[in-house]
Structure formats: C-alpha cells, structure tokens
Amino acid sequence: MAGDDPLHDPDEVRAHLVGAARARTALTYSELLAHLGHRFTRPKMRALCKTLEAVDAEARGRGEPELAVLVVRAADGLPGQGWWVGGQKGSYAGPWEGPAAARLIKRLQRLAFDYWAARG
C-alpha cells in the first residue's frame, strides 16, 4: 500500500514520530511533511492524517501510547481538528483550544515521551 511515497507508509511515519517522542518533542504538520519529502499543502496534510490514524491503530494494538498527538499546528501547539474528532482524546469533552486542551495534549504527549524514552 505504501508504494514509494513515505507519506502513505505507516512504518515510515511511525519511525519519525518515535524519534520525536524519544527526543521529547512534538512536530508540526509542516515539519513532519518535510521529513517525508513534501511541502505543506492541505491535501498532503489530509493524506498524512489518514496515515496517522493507521499509526495510532497499530500502536493501540501493540499496547503503546498513541503518537499522532505529537503532530501539532505551529500556531498553537495543538493537534488539528481530525485528531479531536477521533477517539484519541478518550473521555475528554472540553474545547479543542485553550488551556484545558493544552493540558490534555501535554499529558498525552508526556505518556508517549516517557514510554519511548525508556525504550531508547
């Protein structure tokens, strides 16, 4: 399915996100797309989001923390709408922006950071 484009390869995207988690850093959509050889466009971002869904589904199957939470908007450091409408946020029912959202994202990112730092 992945073909020659790393944008559609969950293993390639996962490798970048595991590296970011081990470095205890989030990546913007633009940064991750650049790592995958693309410039930011809305269609490329949407394609990336589909691959992120596959990465997180595989992570859940392995009992690992999800990684898509590490991909954020440059403007506010929070994931985009696609992340919020998925199941990743658990029982959180608050706003998608602002202090409560930032606290949730920091907590979920910390889970990924701690998990992968211990396996680095």
C-alpha atoms as a PDB file:
ATOM      1  CA  MET A   1       0.000   0.000   0.000  1.00  0.00           C
ATOM      2  CA  ALA A   2       2.782   2.421   0.819  1.00  0.00           C
ATOM      3  CA  GLY A   3       4.290   2.426  -2.641  1.00  0.00           C
ATOM      4  CA  ASP A   4       7.273   4.732  -2.947  1.00  0.00           C
ATOM      5  CA  ASP A   5       5.804   7.669  -1.008  1.00  0.00           C
ATOM      6  CA  PRO A   6       6.674   7.693   2.703  1.00  0.00           C
ATOM      7  CA  LEU A   7       3.614   9.878   3.311  1.00  0.00           C
ATOM      8  CA  HIS A   8       1.447   6.771   2.891  1.00  0.00           C
ATOM      9  CA  ASP A   9       3.753   4.405   4.786  1.00  0.00           C
ATOM     10  CA  PRO A  10       2.679   3.972   8.434  1.00  0.00           C
ATOM     11  CA  ASP A  11       6.034   2.414   9.337  1.00  0.00           C
ATOM     12  CA  GLU A  12       7.949   5.396   7.942  1.00  0.00           C
ATOM     13  CA  VAL A  13       5.689   7.927   9.663  1.00  0.00           C
ATOM     14  CA  ARG A  14       5.867   5.923  12.898  1.00  0.00           C
ATOM     15  CA  ALA A  15       9.673   5.955  12.771  1.00  0.00           C
ATOM     16  CA  HIS A  16       9.694   9.765  12.619  1.00  0.00           C
ATOM     17  CA  LEU A  17       7.217  10.005  15.477  1.00  0.00           C
ATOM     18  CA  VAL A  18       9.094   7.533  17.665  1.00  0.00           C
ATOM     19  CA  GLY A  19      12.223   9.616  17.065  1.00  0.00           C
ATOM     20  CA  ALA A  20      10.348  12.754  18.077  1.00  0.00           C
ATOM     21  CA  ALA A  21       8.985  11.026  21.183  1.00  0.00           C
ATOM     22  CA  ARG A  22      12.470   9.876  22.189  1.00  0.00           C
ATOM     23  CA  ALA A  23      13.674  13.466  21.719  1.00  0.00           C
ATOM     24  CA  ARG A  24      10.687  14.632  23.805  1.00  0.00           C
ATOM     25  CA  THR A  25       9.460  16.977  21.111  1.00  0.00           C
ATOM     26  CA  ALA A  26       6.343  17.491  19.069  1.00  0.00           C
ATOM     27  CA  LEU A  27       6.459  18.084  15.314  1.00  0.00           C
ATOM     28  CA  THR A  28       4.329  20.499  13.355  1.00  0.00           C
ATOM     29  CA  TYR A  29       2.435  19.176  10.377  1.00  0.00           C
ATOM     30  CA  SER A  30       4.849  21.103   8.153  1.00  0.00           C
ATOM     31  CA  GLU A  31       7.905  19.623   9.870  1.00  0.00           C
ATOM     32  CA  LEU A  32       6.671  16.058   9.561  1.00  0.00           C
ATOM     33  CA  LEU A  33       5.680  16.563   5.936  1.00  0.00           C
ATOM     34  CA  ALA A  34       9.165  17.986   5.247  1.00  0.00           C
ATOM     35  CA  HIS A  35      10.753  14.918   6.883  1.00  0.00           C
ATOM     36  CA  LEU A  36       8.659  12.834   4.498  1.00  0.00           C
ATOM     37  CA  GLY A  37       9.802  14.837   1.468  1.00  0.00           C
ATOM     38  CA  HIS A  38       6.758  17.069   0.981  1.00  0.00           C
ATOM     39  CA  ARG A  39       5.929  20.706   1.426  1.00  0.00           C
ATOM     40  CA  PHE A  40       2.804  21.606   3.359  1.00  0.00           C
ATOM     41  CA  THR A  41      -0.425  21.622   1.392  1.00  0.00           C
ATOM     42  CA  ARG A  42      -3.923  20.881   2.670  1.00  0.00           C
ATOM     43  CA  PRO A  43      -4.229  17.712   0.528  1.00  0.00           C
ATOM     44  CA  LYS A  44      -0.862  16.437   1.823  1.00  0.00           C
ATOM     45  CA  MET A  45      -1.907  17.207   5.400  1.00  0.00           C
ATOM     46  CA  ARG A  46      -5.159  15.265   4.911  1.00  0.00           C
ATOM     47  CA  ALA A  47      -3.204  12.317   3.491  1.00  0.00           C
ATOM     48  CA  LEU A  48      -0.845  12.493   6.462  1.00  0.00           C
ATOM     49  CA  CYS A  49      -3.805  12.432   8.845  1.00  0.00           C
ATOM     50  CA  LYS A  50      -5.046   9.184   7.297  1.00  0.00           C
ATOM     51  CA  THR A  51      -1.610   7.659   7.797  1.00  0.00           C
ATOM     52  CA  LEU A  52      -1.534   8.939  11.386  1.00  0.00           C
ATOM     53  CA  GLU A  53      -4.816   7.107  12.019  1.00  0.00           C
ATOM     54  CA  ALA A  54      -3.165   3.876  10.856  1.00  0.00           C
ATOM     55  CA  VAL A  55      -0.083   4.541  13.006  1.00  0.00           C
ATOM     56  CA  ASP A  56      -2.236   5.027  16.109  1.00  0.00           C
ATOM     57  CA  ALA A  57      -4.390   1.969  15.378  1.00  0.00           C
ATOM     58  CA  GLU A  58      -1.227  -0.133  15.222  1.00  0.00           C
ATOM     59  CA  ALA A  59       0.091   1.471  18.423  1.00  0.00           C
ATOM     60  CA  ARG A  60      -3.130   0.650  20.266  1.00  0.00           C
ATOM     61  CA  GLY A  61      -2.860  -2.932  19.024  1.00  0.00           C
ATOM     62  CA  ARG A  62       0.646  -3.171  20.489  1.00  0.00           C
ATOM     63  CA  GLY A  63      -0.349  -1.556  23.783  1.00  0.00           C
ATOM     64  CA  GLU A  64       1.781   1.522  23.033  1.00  0.00           C
ATOM     65  CA  PRO A  65       0.795   5.140  23.580  1.00  0.00           C
ATOM     66  CA  GLU A  66      -0.598   6.835  20.518  1.00  0.00           C
ATOM     67  CA  LEU A  67       1.760   9.034  18.510  1.00  0.00           C
ATOM     68  CA  ALA A  68      -0.482  11.308  16.425  1.00  0.00           C
ATOM     69  CA  VAL A  69      -0.785  13.604  19.447  1.00  0.00           C
ATOM     70  CA  LEU A  70       2.815  14.613  18.711  1.00  0.00           C
ATOM     71  CA  VAL A  71       1.787  16.244  15.413  1.00  0.00           C
ATOM     72  CA  VAL A  72       0.576  19.776  16.078  1.00  0.00           C
ATOM     73  CA  ARG A  73      -0.285  23.082  14.483  1.00  0.00           C
ATOM     74  CA  ALA A  74       2.529  25.622  14.501  1.00  0.00           C
ATOM     75  CA  ALA A  75       0.152  28.360  15.627  1.00  0.00           C
ATOM     76  CA  ASP A  76      -0.842  26.889  18.988  1.00  0.00           C
ATOM     77  CA  GLY A  77       0.966  23.573  19.504  1.00  0.00           C
ATOM     78  CA  LEU A  78      -2.262  21.568  19.444  1.00  0.00           C
ATOM     79  CA  PRO A  79      -3.393  18.820  17.068  1.00  0.00           C
ATOM     80  CA  GLY A  80      -5.790  19.726  14.296  1.00  0.00           C
ATOM     81  CA  GLN A  81      -9.491  19.013  14.055  1.00  0.00           C
ATOM     82  CA  GLY A  82      -9.036  15.476  12.729  1.00  0.00           C
ATOM     83  CA  TRP A  83      -7.323  14.422  15.927  1.00  0.00           C
ATOM     84  CA  TRP A  84     -10.048  15.923  18.111  1.00  0.00           C
ATOM     85  CA  VAL A  85     -12.926  14.199  16.341  1.00  0.00           C
ATOM     86  CA  GLY A  86     -11.245  10.789  16.602  1.00  0.00           C
ATOM     87  CA  GLY A  87     -11.192   8.516  19.614  1.00  0.00           C
ATOM     88  CA  GLN A  88      -7.740   9.550  20.781  1.00  0.00           C
ATOM     89  CA  LYS A  89      -8.980  12.091  23.307  1.00  0.00           C
ATOM     90  CA  GLY A  90     -10.705   9.469  25.450  1.00  0.00           C
ATOM     91  CA  SER A  91     -13.451  10.878  27.657  1.00  0.00           C
ATOM     92  CA  TYR A  92     -12.296  14.497  27.268  1.00  0.00           C
ATOM     93  CA  ALA A  93     -15.266  16.620  26.231  1.00  0.00           C
ATOM     94  CA  GLY A  94     -13.784  20.092  26.547  1.00  0.00           C
ATOM     95  CA  PRO A  95     -12.811  22.647  23.922  1.00  0.00           C
ATOM     96  CA  TRP A  96     -10.298  21.895  21.175  1.00  0.00           C
ATOM     97  CA  GLU A  97      -8.316  25.026  22.009  1.00  0.00           C
ATOM     98  CA  GLY A  98      -7.252  26.860  25.127  1.00  0.00           C
ATOM     99  CA  PRO A  99      -5.759  25.851  28.484  1.00  0.00           C
ATOM    100  CA  ALA A 100      -7.797  22.679  29.074  1.00  0.00           C
ATOM    101  CA  ALA A 101      -6.962  21.352  25.618  1.00  0.00           C
ATOM    102  CA  ALA A 102      -3.284  22.224  26.110  1.00  0.00           C
ATOM    103  CA  ARG A 103      -3.208  20.337  29.431  1.00  0.00           C
ATOM    104  CA  LEU A 104      -4.699  17.226  27.814  1.00  0.00           C
ATOM    105  CA  ILE A 105      -2.227  17.345  24.924  1.00  0.00           C
ATOM    106  CA  LYS A 106       0.757  17.844  27.246  1.00  0.00           C
ATOM    107  CA  ARG A 107      -0.375  14.863  29.352  1.00  0.00           C
ATOM    108  CA  LEU A 108      -0.797  12.589  26.316  1.00  0.00           C
ATOM    109  CA  GLN A 109       2.483  13.761  24.807  1.00  0.00           C
ATOM    110  CA  ARG A 110       4.249  13.083  28.101  1.00  0.00           C
ATOM    111  CA  LEU A 111       2.931   9.494  28.031  1.00  0.00           C
ATOM    112  CA  ALA A 112       4.494   8.992  24.594  1.00  0.00           C
ATOM    113  CA  PHE A 113       7.717  10.774  25.611  1.00  0.00           C
ATOM    114  CA  ASP A 114       8.139   8.671  28.762  1.00  0.00           C
ATOM    115  CA  TYR A 115       7.286   5.407  27.017  1.00  0.00           C
ATOM    116  CA  TRP A 116       9.749   5.892  24.152  1.00  0.00           C
ATOM    117  CA  ALA A 117      12.497   7.474  26.266  1.00  0.00           C
ATOM    118  CA  ALA A 118      12.505   4.312  28.373  1.00  0.00           C
ATOM    119  CA  ARG A 119      12.967   2.247  25.197  1.00  0.00           C
ATOM    120  CA  GLY A 120      15.573   4.468  23.561  1.00  0.00           C
END
